[in-house]
Protein backbone atom coordinates (compact mmCIF):
# COMPACT_ATOMS: atom_id res chain seq x y z
CA MET A 1 -76.30 133.39 26.47
CA ALA A 2 -75.03 133.46 22.93
CA GLU A 3 -74.17 136.01 20.31
CA ASN A 4 -75.96 135.36 17.04
CA GLN A 5 -74.19 135.59 13.71
CA GLN A 6 -74.84 134.62 10.10
CA GLN A 7 -72.13 132.83 8.16
CA GLY A 8 -73.16 133.21 4.54
CA ASN A 9 -76.90 132.88 4.91
CA VAL A 10 -76.77 130.22 7.63
CA PHE A 11 -77.62 131.09 11.22
CA LYS A 12 -74.77 130.45 13.68
CA GLU A 13 -74.22 131.05 17.36
CA THR A 14 -71.09 132.22 19.13
CA ARG A 15 -70.90 130.47 22.49
CA VAL A 16 -70.51 132.64 25.58
CA SER A 17 -68.65 131.35 28.65
CA MET A 18 -70.50 130.73 31.90
CA VAL A 19 -68.54 133.46 33.67
CA SER A 20 -69.52 135.94 31.00
CA GLN A 21 -73.15 134.79 31.18
CA MET A 22 -73.24 135.42 34.94
CA GLY A 23 -72.32 139.04 34.44
CA LYS A 24 -74.01 139.88 31.15
CA THR A 25 -77.31 138.02 30.77
CA GLU A 26 -80.80 138.91 31.99
CA ASP A 27 -81.30 135.45 33.54
CA TRP A 28 -78.42 135.93 35.96
CA TRP A 29 -79.18 139.59 36.57
CA ALA A 30 -82.75 138.66 37.45
CA ILE A 31 -81.21 136.53 40.22
CA TRP A 32 -78.72 139.21 41.33
CA LEU A 33 -81.35 141.96 41.46
CA ALA A 34 -83.87 139.79 43.29
CA GLY A 35 -81.13 138.79 45.74
CA LEU A 36 -80.25 142.45 46.28
CA PHE A 37 -83.93 143.17 46.91
CA PHE A 38 -84.26 140.38 49.49
CA ILE A 39 -81.10 141.47 51.32
CA ALA A 40 -82.27 145.09 51.53
CA VAL A 41 -85.82 144.23 52.60
CA THR A 42 -84.70 141.63 55.14
CA ALA A 43 -82.27 144.11 56.69
CA SER A 44 -85.04 146.72 56.88
CA CYS A 45 -87.45 144.30 58.57
CA PHE A 46 -84.85 143.42 61.22
CA ILE A 47 -83.61 146.95 61.82
CA TRP A 48 -87.14 148.35 62.20
CA LYS A 49 -88.52 145.25 63.88
CA PRO A 50 -92.12 145.14 65.19
CA PRO A 51 -92.74 144.09 68.85
CA VAL A 52 -92.30 140.36 68.16
CA GLU A 53 -91.28 139.85 71.80
CA GLU A 54 -94.98 140.17 72.67
CA LEU A 55 -95.96 137.22 70.48
CA PRO A 56 -95.26 134.45 73.06
CA GLN A 57 -97.54 136.01 75.67
CA TYR A 58 -100.43 136.28 73.24
CA ARG A 59 -99.86 132.72 72.05
CA ALA A 60 -99.80 131.55 75.69
CA ILE A 61 -103.23 133.14 76.23
CA MET A 62 -104.58 131.39 73.14
CA ASN A 63 -103.18 128.01 74.22
CA GLN A 64 -104.56 128.38 77.73
CA GLU A 65 -108.02 129.39 76.52
CA MET A 66 -108.15 126.55 74.01
CA GLU A 67 -107.04 124.08 76.66
CA GLU A 68 -109.72 125.23 79.09
CA ALA A 69 -112.65 125.80 76.73
CA GLY A 70 -111.86 123.76 73.64
CA PHE A 71 -113.03 126.58 71.37
CA ARG A 72 -112.18 130.21 70.51
CA THR A 73 -113.17 132.32 73.50
CA ILE A 74 -113.26 136.12 73.71
CA ALA A 75 -109.75 136.23 75.19
CA TYR A 76 -108.52 133.82 72.49
CA THR A 77 -109.96 136.01 69.73
CA GLU A 78 -108.47 139.20 71.16
CA ALA A 79 -105.02 137.61 71.56
CA GLU A 80 -105.26 136.28 68.00
CA SER A 81 -106.07 139.80 66.76
CA LYS A 82 -103.03 141.14 68.60
CA ILE A 83 -100.79 138.57 66.93
CA ASN A 84 -102.19 139.38 63.49
CA SER A 85 -101.63 143.10 64.07
CA ILE A 86 -97.88 142.67 64.61
CA ARG A 87 -96.49 143.13 61.11
CA ALA A 88 -93.02 144.15 60.02
CA ARG A 89 -94.44 145.95 56.97
CA ASN A 90 -96.01 148.60 59.24
CA HIS A 91 -92.81 149.77 60.95
CA GLY A 92 -90.00 152.19 60.16
CA PHE A 93 -88.37 152.30 56.77
CA THR A 94 -90.07 149.04 55.80
CA LYS A 95 -93.37 150.90 55.86
CA VAL A 96 -91.89 153.65 53.68
CA ILE A 97 -90.67 151.29 50.96
CA ARG A 98 -94.00 149.49 51.05
CA ASP A 99 -96.13 152.64 50.95
CA ILE A 100 -94.53 153.86 47.72
CA THR A 101 -95.81 150.72 45.99
CA GLU A 102 -99.43 151.76 46.58
CA ARG A 103 -101.41 151.12 43.42
CA PRO A 104 -104.15 153.39 42.05
CA LYS A 105 -107.28 153.04 44.18
CA LYS A 106 -110.74 151.81 43.28
CA TRP A 107 -113.00 154.36 41.56
CA THR A 108 -116.42 154.45 39.91
CA THR A 109 -117.02 157.54 37.77
CA ASN A 110 -114.10 159.87 38.41
CA PRO A 111 -110.66 158.43 37.54
CA ILE A 112 -108.96 161.24 39.49
CA GLN A 113 -110.14 159.50 42.68
CA SER A 114 -107.85 156.64 41.77
CA PHE A 115 -104.90 158.94 42.54
CA TYR A 116 -106.16 161.85 44.62
CA MET A 117 -108.77 162.71 47.23
CA SER A 118 -109.05 166.18 48.76
CA GLU A 119 -109.62 166.84 52.47
CA GLU A 120 -113.06 168.16 51.58
CA ASP A 121 -114.04 164.90 49.86
CA ALA A 122 -112.56 162.88 52.71
CA ALA A 123 -114.59 164.89 55.24
CA ALA A 124 -117.74 164.23 53.22
CA LYS A 125 -116.99 160.50 53.30
CA ARG A 126 -116.41 160.61 57.06
CA ALA A 127 -119.68 162.45 57.58
CA ALA A 128 -121.58 159.95 55.44
CA ALA A 129 -120.04 157.05 57.37
CA ALA A 130 -120.69 158.52 60.84
CA GLY A 131 -124.23 157.11 61.10
CA PRO A 132 -123.32 153.55 60.05
CA LEU A 133 -120.34 153.66 62.43
CA GLU A 134 -122.58 154.60 65.36
CA THR A 135 -124.92 151.73 64.51
CA ALA A 136 -121.99 149.33 64.18
CA GLU A 137 -120.64 150.44 67.58
CA GLN A 138 -123.99 149.79 69.23
CA ASN A 139 -124.26 146.37 67.58
CA LEU A 140 -120.73 145.52 68.65
CA GLU A 141 -121.36 146.56 72.24
CA GLN A 142 -124.55 144.50 72.44
CA ALA A 143 -122.93 141.49 70.79
CA ARG A 144 -119.98 141.74 73.19
CA THR A 145 -122.31 141.82 76.20
CA ARG A 146 -124.17 138.71 75.00
CA ALA A 147 -120.90 136.91 74.28
CA GLU A 148 -119.51 137.74 77.74
CA GLN A 149 -122.68 136.59 79.47
CA ALA A 150 -122.73 133.32 77.55
CA GLU A 151 -119.03 132.69 78.10
CA ASN A 152 -119.25 133.47 81.83
CA ALA A 153 -122.06 130.93 82.19
CA ALA A 154 -120.08 128.30 80.30
CA ARG A 155 -116.91 129.07 82.27
CA ALA A 156 -118.84 128.77 85.56
CA ALA A 157 -119.72 125.25 84.47
CA GLN A 158 -116.01 124.71 83.67
CA PHE A 159 -117.00 124.28 80.02
CA GLN A 160 -118.53 120.89 80.79
CA ASP A 161 -122.10 121.81 79.81
CA GLN A 162 -122.33 121.15 76.04
CA GLN A 163 -125.51 123.21 75.63
CA LEU A 164 -123.87 126.24 77.28
CA ASN A 165 -120.77 125.71 75.16
CA LYS A 166 -122.89 125.64 72.01
CA GLU A 167 -124.67 128.87 73.00
CA THR A 168 -121.31 130.48 73.82
CA ARG A 169 -119.79 129.57 70.47
CA ALA A 170 -122.83 131.03 68.69
CA ALA A 171 -122.70 134.25 70.74
CA ILE A 172 -118.95 134.66 70.15
CA ALA A 173 -119.40 134.03 66.42
CA GLU A 174 -122.05 136.78 66.39
CA TRP A 175 -119.66 139.09 68.24
CA ARG A 176 -116.83 138.36 65.77
CA SER A 177 -119.20 139.17 62.91
CA ALA A 178 -120.18 142.44 64.59
CA LYS A 179 -116.51 143.15 65.22
CA SER A 180 -115.74 142.71 61.51
CA ALA A 181 -118.65 144.98 60.51
CA HIS A 182 -117.47 147.59 63.00
CA SER A 183 -113.95 147.46 61.58
CA LYS A 184 -115.27 148.18 58.06
CA ALA A 185 -117.50 150.99 59.29
CA LYS A 186 -114.62 152.50 61.27
CA SER A 187 -112.37 152.35 58.23
CA ALA A 188 -114.95 154.23 56.16
CA ALA A 189 -115.47 156.78 58.96
CA ASN A 190 -111.73 157.39 59.14
CA ALA A 191 -111.38 158.23 55.45
CA LYS A 192 -108.31 160.37 54.86
CA ALA A 193 -107.23 162.61 52.04
CA TYR A 194 -104.56 161.08 49.82
CA ASN A 195 -102.32 161.96 46.90
CA LEU A 196 -100.57 159.02 45.23
CA ILE A 197 -98.77 161.12 42.61
CA PRO A 198 -95.61 161.75 44.69
CA SER A 199 -95.26 158.10 45.76
CA LEU A 200 -95.87 156.86 42.20
CA PHE A 201 -93.21 159.29 40.99
CA VAL A 202 -90.69 157.99 43.55
CA LEU A 203 -91.55 154.37 42.74
CA GLY A 204 -90.95 154.99 39.03
CA ILE A 205 -87.48 156.39 39.76
CA VAL A 206 -86.62 153.53 42.12
CA VAL A 207 -87.71 150.80 39.68
CA ALA A 208 -86.01 152.51 36.72
CA ILE A 209 -82.69 152.66 38.59
CA PHE A 210 -83.17 149.11 39.93
CA PHE A 211 -83.33 147.58 36.44
CA ALA A 212 -80.74 150.00 35.06
CA ILE A 213 -78.19 148.42 37.43
CA GLY A 214 -78.54 145.11 35.60
CA GLY A 215 -79.07 146.83 32.27
CA LYS A 216 -75.65 148.47 32.52
CA PHE A 217 -73.97 145.06 32.54
CA ILE A 218 -76.37 143.38 30.12
CA GLY A 219 -75.68 146.06 27.55
CA PHE A 220 -78.67 148.40 27.54
CA ASN A 221 -78.32 151.74 25.88
CA LEU A 222 -79.02 153.51 29.18
CA LYS A 223 -79.76 156.85 27.55
CA GLU A 224 -82.49 155.26 25.42
CA TYR A 225 -83.65 153.19 28.40
CA PHE A 226 -84.15 156.17 30.69
CA ILE A 227 -85.99 158.05 27.91
CA GLY A 228 -88.34 155.14 27.23
CA PHE A 229 -88.91 153.79 30.73
CA PRO A 230 -91.26 156.60 31.90
CA VAL A 231 -93.60 155.73 29.03
CA ILE A 232 -93.67 152.04 29.99
CA TYR A 233 -94.20 152.97 33.64
CA ILE A 234 -96.98 155.51 33.00
CA LEU A 235 -98.82 152.98 30.82
CA THR A 236 -98.51 150.47 33.66
CA VAL A 237 -100.00 152.97 36.12
CA ILE A 238 -102.86 153.65 33.69
CA SER A 239 -103.45 149.90 33.36
CA TYR A 240 -103.75 149.54 37.13
CA MET A 241 -106.06 152.55 37.25
CA LEU A 242 -108.39 151.09 34.60
CA GLY A 243 -108.27 147.67 36.25
CA ASN A 244 -109.54 149.24 39.49
CA GLN A 245 -112.61 150.84 37.92
CA ALA A 246 -115.54 149.43 39.89
CA ASN A 247 -117.54 148.05 36.94
CA PHE A 248 -114.51 146.49 35.23
CA LYS A 249 -113.40 145.00 38.53
CA ALA A 250 -116.86 143.54 39.18
CA ILE A 251 -116.87 141.59 35.91
CA GLY A 252 -113.27 140.41 36.32
CA ILE A 253 -111.47 142.55 33.73
CA SER A 254 -108.03 142.95 35.29
CA TYR A 255 -105.13 145.31 34.76
CA VAL A 256 -103.35 142.56 32.78
CA LEU A 257 -105.84 142.85 29.94
CA PHE A 258 -105.56 146.64 29.87
CA ALA A 259 -101.74 146.53 29.99
CA ILE A 260 -101.46 144.26 26.96
CA PHE A 261 -104.27 145.99 25.06
CA ILE A 262 -102.84 149.49 25.59
CA GLY A 263 -99.45 148.27 24.40
CA LEU A 264 -101.00 146.62 21.34
CA LEU A 265 -103.00 149.73 20.53
CA ILE A 266 -99.92 151.96 20.58
CA ALA A 267 -97.72 149.46 18.70
CA ASN A 268 -100.27 149.18 15.89
CA THR A 269 -101.25 152.85 15.60
CA THR A 270 -98.58 155.39 16.45
CA GLY A 271 -95.79 152.83 16.55
CA VAL A 272 -93.05 152.29 19.13
CA SER A 273 -89.89 154.38 19.27
CA LYS A 274 -86.40 152.97 19.72
CA SER A 275 -86.21 154.24 23.30
CA ILE A 276 -89.49 152.54 24.27
CA LYS A 277 -88.33 149.30 22.67
CA THR A 278 -85.11 149.54 24.69
CA ALA A 279 -87.05 150.12 27.92
CA GLY A 280 -89.62 147.37 27.22
CA GLN A 281 -87.54 144.54 28.67
CA THR A 282 -90.35 141.97 28.94
CA GLU A 283 -88.29 138.94 29.89
CA PHE A 284 -86.06 140.86 32.32
CA PHE A 285 -89.06 142.22 34.20
CA ILE A 286 -90.83 138.86 34.23
CA LYS A 287 -87.81 136.82 35.29
CA THR A 288 -86.97 139.16 38.16
CA GLY A 289 -90.59 139.04 39.27
CA LEU A 290 -90.61 135.24 39.09
CA VAL A 291 -87.54 134.98 41.34
CA LEU A 292 -89.42 137.16 43.86
CA LEU A 293 -92.46 134.91 43.43
CA GLY A 294 -90.33 131.85 44.24
CA ALA A 295 -89.92 133.10 47.82
CA ARG A 296 -93.67 133.02 48.33
CA ILE A 297 -94.14 129.47 47.01
CA LEU A 298 -92.99 126.79 49.43
CA PHE A 299 -90.60 124.35 47.78
CA GLY A 300 -93.02 121.54 48.59
CA GLN A 301 -95.59 123.18 46.30
CA ILE A 302 -93.07 123.40 43.45
CA ALA A 303 -92.23 119.73 43.94
CA LEU A 304 -95.93 118.87 43.88
CA ILE A 305 -96.45 120.70 40.58
CA GLY A 306 -93.32 119.07 39.21
CA ILE A 307 -94.56 115.49 39.56
CA PRO A 308 -97.51 115.71 37.13
CA GLY A 309 -95.81 118.64 35.39
CA LEU A 310 -93.06 116.39 34.09
CA PHE A 311 -95.65 114.30 32.27
CA VAL A 312 -97.39 117.38 30.86
CA THR A 313 -94.15 118.80 29.45
CA TRP A 314 -91.62 116.04 28.95
CA PHE A 315 -94.14 113.69 27.34
CA VAL A 316 -96.19 116.14 25.31
CA THR A 317 -93.29 118.25 24.02
CA PRO A 318 -91.31 115.53 22.18
CA VAL A 319 -94.52 113.91 20.90
CA VAL A 320 -95.72 117.22 19.44
CA LEU A 321 -92.28 118.02 18.02
CA ILE A 322 -91.87 114.67 16.28
CA THR A 323 -95.46 114.59 15.03
CA THR A 324 -95.29 118.15 13.66
CA PHE A 325 -91.96 117.51 11.94
CA TRP A 326 -93.34 114.30 10.42
CA PHE A 327 -96.46 116.17 9.24
CA GLY A 328 -94.27 118.79 7.61
CA GLN A 329 -92.09 116.26 5.82
CA LYS A 330 -94.61 113.59 4.86
CA VAL A 331 -97.97 115.32 4.54
CA ILE A 332 -97.46 118.89 3.34
CA LYS A 333 -93.89 118.18 2.15
CA MET A 334 -92.08 121.26 3.42
CA PRO A 335 -89.36 122.30 0.95
CA SER A 336 -86.85 122.92 3.75
CA LYS A 337 -86.16 120.43 6.55
CA GLU A 338 -84.42 123.22 8.47
CA LEU A 339 -87.48 125.48 8.36
CA ASN A 340 -89.64 122.53 9.35
CA ILE A 341 -87.63 121.73 12.49
CA VAL A 342 -87.27 125.39 13.51
CA VAL A 343 -91.03 126.01 13.24
CA SER A 344 -91.79 122.73 15.03
CA SER A 345 -89.39 123.50 17.88
CA ASP A 346 -90.48 127.12 18.20
CA MET A 347 -94.12 126.11 18.45
CA CYS A 348 -93.86 123.25 20.94
CA VAL A 349 -91.30 124.45 23.51
CA SER A 350 -90.58 128.08 24.28
CA GLY A 351 -90.75 130.29 21.25
CA VAL A 352 -87.64 132.30 20.43
CA SER A 353 -85.17 130.38 22.61
CA ALA A 354 -86.13 127.01 21.14
CA ALA A 355 -86.15 128.42 17.61
CA ILE A 356 -82.61 129.80 18.01
CA ALA A 357 -81.38 126.52 19.49
CA SER A 358 -82.86 124.44 16.66
CA ALA A 359 -81.72 126.90 13.97
CA SER A 360 -78.17 126.68 15.26
CA ALA A 361 -78.29 122.88 15.52
CA SER A 362 -79.73 122.34 12.04
CA GLY A 363 -77.95 125.11 10.15
CA ALA A 364 -81.16 126.92 9.22
CA LYS A 365 -81.08 130.13 7.22
CA LYS A 366 -81.60 133.52 8.81
CA GLU A 367 -84.92 134.13 7.04
CA GLU A 368 -86.20 130.73 8.18
CA LEU A 369 -85.51 131.61 11.79
CA THR A 370 -87.12 135.03 11.33
CA LEU A 371 -90.24 133.48 9.80
CA ALA A 372 -90.61 130.97 12.66
CA ILE A 373 -90.21 133.64 15.33
CA GLY A 374 -92.68 135.92 13.53
CA MET A 375 -95.38 133.24 13.47
CA SER A 376 -94.72 132.49 17.14
CA MET A 377 -95.24 136.12 18.12
CA ILE A 378 -98.46 136.37 16.12
CA PHE A 379 -100.02 133.29 17.70
CA VAL A 380 -98.79 134.17 21.19
CA ALA A 381 -100.62 137.50 20.91
CA ILE A 382 -103.80 135.59 20.08
CA MET A 383 -103.36 132.82 22.66
CA ILE A 384 -102.76 135.24 25.57
CA PHE A 385 -106.40 136.34 25.23
CA VAL A 386 -108.15 133.29 23.76
CA LEU A 387 -106.94 130.53 26.10
CA PRO A 388 -107.79 132.31 29.40
CA THR A 389 -111.17 133.25 27.91
CA VAL A 390 -111.87 129.61 27.05
CA ALA A 391 -110.75 128.52 30.52
CA ASN A 392 -112.92 131.10 32.28
CA ILE A 393 -116.04 130.53 30.15
CA THR A 394 -115.89 126.75 30.49
CA GLY A 395 -115.12 126.90 34.21
CA MET A 396 -111.86 124.98 33.99
CA HIS A 397 -110.17 124.24 37.29
CA PRO A 398 -107.42 126.88 37.76
CA VAL A 399 -104.70 124.24 38.22
CA TRP A 400 -105.75 122.39 35.07
CA ALA A 401 -106.01 125.67 33.15
CA GLY A 402 -102.59 126.79 34.40
CA ALA A 403 -100.97 123.53 33.31
CA TRP A 404 -102.60 123.91 29.88
CA LEU A 405 -101.29 127.45 29.47
CA GLY A 406 -97.81 126.57 30.72
CA GLY A 407 -97.49 123.77 28.21
CA THR A 408 -98.77 125.66 25.17
CA VAL A 409 -98.13 129.43 25.31
CA ASP A 410 -94.69 130.05 23.84
CA ASN A 411 -92.72 132.30 26.20
CA THR A 412 -92.50 132.84 29.95
CA GLY A 413 -93.78 136.42 29.97
CA SER A 414 -96.86 135.55 27.94
CA VAL A 415 -97.51 132.48 30.10
CA VAL A 416 -97.53 134.61 33.26
CA ALA A 417 -99.81 137.18 31.60
CA ALA A 418 -102.28 134.52 30.46
CA GLY A 419 -102.22 132.86 33.88
CA GLU A 420 -102.93 136.17 35.64
CA LEU A 421 -106.08 136.54 33.53
CA ILE A 422 -107.41 133.41 35.24
CA GLY A 423 -106.08 133.90 38.75
CA TYR A 424 -103.12 133.56 41.09
CA GLU A 425 -103.26 129.75 41.32
CA ALA A 426 -103.35 129.38 37.53
CA MET A 427 -100.45 131.82 37.15
CA VAL A 428 -98.24 129.93 39.62
CA VAL A 429 -98.94 126.55 38.00
CA ALA A 430 -98.52 127.96 34.46
CA ALA A 431 -95.18 129.62 35.28
CA THR A 432 -93.86 126.49 37.00
CA ILE A 433 -94.93 124.22 34.11
CA LYS A 434 -93.26 126.57 31.63
CA MET A 435 -90.01 126.53 33.62
CA ILE A 436 -90.07 122.72 33.66
CA GLN A 437 -90.68 122.71 29.91
CA ASN A 438 -87.83 125.17 29.30
CA ILE A 439 -85.35 122.52 30.42
CA MET A 440 -86.27 120.72 27.18
CA ILE A 441 -84.64 123.46 25.07
CA GLY A 442 -81.18 121.99 25.53
CA VAL A 443 -82.45 118.43 25.04
CA ILE A 444 -84.11 119.39 21.76
CA ALA A 445 -81.04 121.30 20.53
CA PHE A 446 -78.86 118.24 21.15
CA GLY A 447 -81.44 115.93 19.59
CA VAL A 448 -81.73 118.08 16.46
CA ALA A 449 -77.94 118.30 16.05
CA ALA A 450 -77.59 114.54 16.47
CA TYR A 451 -80.42 113.83 14.02
CA TRP A 452 -78.97 116.21 11.42
CA CYS A 453 -75.51 114.73 11.82
CA LEU A 454 -76.53 111.08 11.76
CA LYS A 455 -79.60 111.11 9.50
CA VAL A 456 -80.30 114.28 7.53
CA GLU A 457 -76.89 115.54 6.34
CA PRO A 458 -74.16 113.26 7.74
CA GLU A 459 -71.60 114.39 5.13
CA LYS A 460 -72.08 118.08 5.92
CA ALA A 461 -73.38 118.31 9.48
CA CYS A 462 -70.81 115.92 10.96
CA LYS A 463 -67.81 117.76 9.58
CA PRO A 464 -65.42 119.12 12.23
CA GLY A 465 -66.65 122.54 13.26
CA GLU A 466 -70.11 122.10 11.73
CA THR A 467 -71.79 120.37 14.67
CA PRO A 468 -72.42 123.01 17.36
CA MET A 469 -71.88 120.49 20.15
CA LYS A 470 -70.19 117.18 20.98
CA LEU A 471 -72.40 114.21 20.18
CA SER A 472 -71.80 112.39 23.45
CA VAL A 473 -73.35 112.03 26.88
CA GLY A 474 -71.12 114.82 28.13
CA GLY A 475 -72.06 116.95 25.14
CA ALA A 476 -75.74 116.36 25.80
CA LEU A 477 -75.42 117.32 29.47
CA PHE A 478 -73.44 120.41 28.59
CA GLU A 479 -76.02 121.46 26.00
CA ILE A 480 -78.85 121.02 28.49
CA TRP A 481 -77.00 123.13 31.06
CA TYR A 482 -76.00 125.76 28.49
CA ARG A 483 -79.59 126.19 27.29
CA PHE A 484 -81.09 125.94 30.77
CA PRO A 485 -82.81 129.25 31.72
CA LYS A 486 -80.67 130.19 34.71
CA PHE A 487 -83.28 132.42 36.35
CA ILE A 488 -85.06 129.19 37.32
CA LEU A 489 -82.17 128.61 39.75
CA GLY A 490 -83.15 131.87 41.44
CA PHE A 491 -86.81 130.89 41.54
CA ILE A 492 -86.04 127.51 43.12
CA GLY A 493 -83.32 128.96 45.36
CA ALA A 494 -85.66 131.61 46.76
CA SER A 495 -88.29 128.96 47.40
CA ILE A 496 -85.84 126.68 49.22
CA ILE A 497 -84.33 129.48 51.33
CA PHE A 498 -87.68 130.84 52.50
CA SER A 499 -89.14 127.35 52.97
CA ILE A 500 -86.23 126.48 55.29
CA MET A 501 -86.53 129.85 57.01
CA GLN A 502 -90.22 129.40 57.76
CA ALA A 503 -89.73 125.79 58.87
CA GLY A 504 -87.09 126.86 61.40
CA ILE A 505 -89.03 129.62 63.15
CA SER A 506 -92.32 129.81 65.03
CA PRO A 507 -95.45 130.34 62.91
CA ASP A 508 -96.24 133.60 64.72
CA TRP A 509 -92.76 135.02 64.19
CA GLY A 510 -92.83 133.85 60.56
CA HIS A 511 -96.18 135.56 60.02
CA ALA A 512 -95.00 138.84 61.53
CA MET A 513 -91.54 139.05 59.97
CA VAL A 514 -91.63 136.93 56.81
CA GLU A 515 -95.19 136.79 55.48
CA GLU A 516 -96.18 140.29 56.65
CA GLY A 517 -92.74 141.73 56.11
CA ILE A 518 -90.33 140.40 53.50
CA LEU A 519 -92.87 138.54 51.36
CA SER A 520 -95.44 141.32 51.59
CA LEU A 521 -92.98 143.74 50.01
CA ALA A 522 -91.79 141.17 47.47
CA ASN A 523 -95.39 140.64 46.39
CA ARG A 524 -95.96 144.40 45.97
CA TYR A 525 -92.88 144.92 43.83
CA ARG A 526 -93.47 141.72 41.85
CA GLY A 527 -96.88 143.08 40.88
CA TRP A 528 -95.28 146.22 39.45
CA PHE A 529 -92.58 144.24 37.62
CA PHE A 530 -95.24 142.04 36.03
CA GLY A 531 -97.25 145.12 35.07
CA LEU A 532 -94.23 146.58 33.27
CA ALA A 533 -93.76 143.25 31.48
CA PHE A 534 -97.38 143.02 30.33
CA VAL A 535 -97.27 146.53 28.85
CA SER A 536 -93.99 145.61 27.15
CA ILE A 537 -95.58 142.48 25.67
CA GLY A 538 -98.28 144.57 24.03
CA LEU A 539 -95.79 147.13 22.75
CA SER A 540 -93.65 144.38 21.18
CA ILE A 541 -96.44 143.06 18.94
CA SER A 542 -96.80 145.01 15.72
CA TYR A 543 -99.04 143.21 13.25
CA GLN A 544 -97.71 145.42 10.47
CA GLU A 545 -94.21 144.07 11.05
CA LEU A 546 -95.40 140.49 11.52
CA LYS A 547 -97.94 140.29 8.70
CA GLU A 548 -95.58 138.25 6.48
CA PRO A 549 -96.11 134.98 8.43
CA LEU A 550 -99.88 135.33 7.92
CA ARG A 551 -99.68 135.44 4.12
CA GLY A 552 -100.26 131.69 4.00
CA GLY A 553 -98.28 128.82 2.60
CA LYS A 554 -96.90 125.65 4.08
CA PRO A 555 -95.09 127.18 7.09
CA LEU A 556 -98.37 128.67 8.32
CA ILE A 557 -100.21 125.37 7.78
CA LEU A 558 -97.44 123.57 9.66
CA TYR A 559 -97.65 125.97 12.60
CA ILE A 560 -101.45 125.81 12.81
CA PHE A 561 -101.43 122.01 12.68
CA GLY A 562 -98.69 121.70 15.30
CA GLN A 563 -100.18 124.24 17.68
CA SER A 564 -103.67 122.73 17.36
CA PHE A 565 -102.29 119.28 18.14
CA ASN A 566 -100.27 120.77 21.00
CA LEU A 567 -103.33 122.49 22.48
CA LEU A 568 -105.48 119.35 22.37
CA LEU A 569 -102.82 116.92 23.62
CA THR A 570 -101.69 119.24 26.42
CA LEU A 571 -105.31 119.85 27.43
CA PHE A 572 -105.91 116.10 27.70
CA VAL A 573 -102.64 115.21 29.45
CA ALA A 574 -102.98 118.14 31.90
CA TRP A 575 -106.51 116.94 32.73
CA LEU A 576 -105.33 113.35 33.11
CA MET A 577 -102.40 114.27 35.35
CA PHE A 578 -103.91 117.02 37.53
CA MET A 579 -107.60 116.07 37.61
CA VAL A 580 -107.48 112.25 37.54
CA ILE A 581 -104.18 110.55 38.40
CA PHE A 582 -102.77 113.24 40.72
CA LYS A 583 -106.06 114.77 41.88
CA ASP A 584 -104.80 114.80 45.48
CA ILE A 585 -101.88 117.01 44.42
CA THR A 586 -104.29 119.46 42.81
CA GLU A 587 -106.26 119.65 46.06
CA GLN A 588 -103.07 120.26 48.04
CA LEU A 589 -102.05 123.02 45.64
CA MET A 590 -105.38 124.79 46.10
CA LEU A 591 -105.08 124.53 49.89
CA GLY A 592 -101.56 125.97 49.81
CA ALA A 593 -102.38 128.80 47.40
């Protein structure tokens, strides 16, 4: 978005035109790549289309049975199963591009089973499951007979006898339960040998090339990128493998924790090479994944989060910023107003982006900006683990916890990682809250420039060429737009497009083609993109490099005070908005998750 320079020892920005941004920044390339993905996947789903022409006849059976009986009959249940079995993801090339996203499988004692199972081992599993399958088949047959007898009696009475109807519903429920048990037993008895190594290898190549397309225009050193990417990818695969270990999975330790921890371990022991740093494009991976996520979240849900979310972010953020700056000036008496405002902005909005915006607006020195960013990275590394742990231990509602994370953790990638450690609902709310808060970056940059010009250093800051923006309504709007994270447009755009798409088609067709086709694949690839980002987060945090901010002094005191106040105020306001005033919205969000 901007090229950073230092004039003398003062941090300055060189503005980049919107046209240039659209072709050279990760925000826009996150949109272009996600758009390319959706076009390719949609084309695949339509070219290799499942038998959707059969859907109306199955739906007609369901409607007729419901009209006659008033409850789910045997024929209704079988037609419903037929509808659910028609999925675009299981046909043609769509199945191929989905199958290569298969993650390492669950394992208990032998990690090799996460990637490979021989025919001999598969045969042993089939043999072991043969007995339970036979029992399940007998139970299913008996349950089916009882359900048919009960339904025939109720149908003979034209479904007017309430006692017969009650007995029929109970018998059919028992049959459905037996049917589910039989399906599980059959799956175990049909165990097949597998080898995920080839598909994981292909996926790594596909994803590497996918992001290299944008990286070419953004300015990656592609040679370094292609050298480092396999390391990032292999660590992601290992993270998924560890996250699927049976004992870890049972106690809720997910791949997210392993991804960040492995990255941290490497960064603070062996160190990270230049090529791995080049390949570890945290924000690029996260932003592209978030645009894909937008397609899954109906726009109505985003709007719901936005109502209380505005209070959580647009009220808390300026209050924390002003209070922290006042504390720095009046209580601990920071020697540099510029350092004070950069630390305050960095801590209360969005880390690096807010720090750069405030440094440019106030004329802060390079080392002041570096110090603020360093403290931000240190505390983000702590908060990623601590806040989800607090939320999980105390049993916080996932929507409340997500709003708390979104309003306090400093950057988008870390917010998504922290949210994932709680659950999908928390992650969605946290990411949406953070995107709402990010709009404040431009507002704060304009406010800081205006304050410096009119109050702090009017003789210096208001000189022609010194103020980095026009102090007018137009200047304010331009600054907000210039600082606005453009990938949010992709997130909202994907949500709107797919919300309209699903509203304009039948639910059955939407389930078969959109939910179990386009969105199924988007969800698979998003998971891998997030995994790459979480590993990259860990690799980017070297405590040896960032130890300077922890040496103490007033900047550290300022940051701790501001972040503590931010955590407490956001916790309270998020509770007030999502759990008290807009409790109905929270309930709707959980229903739609």
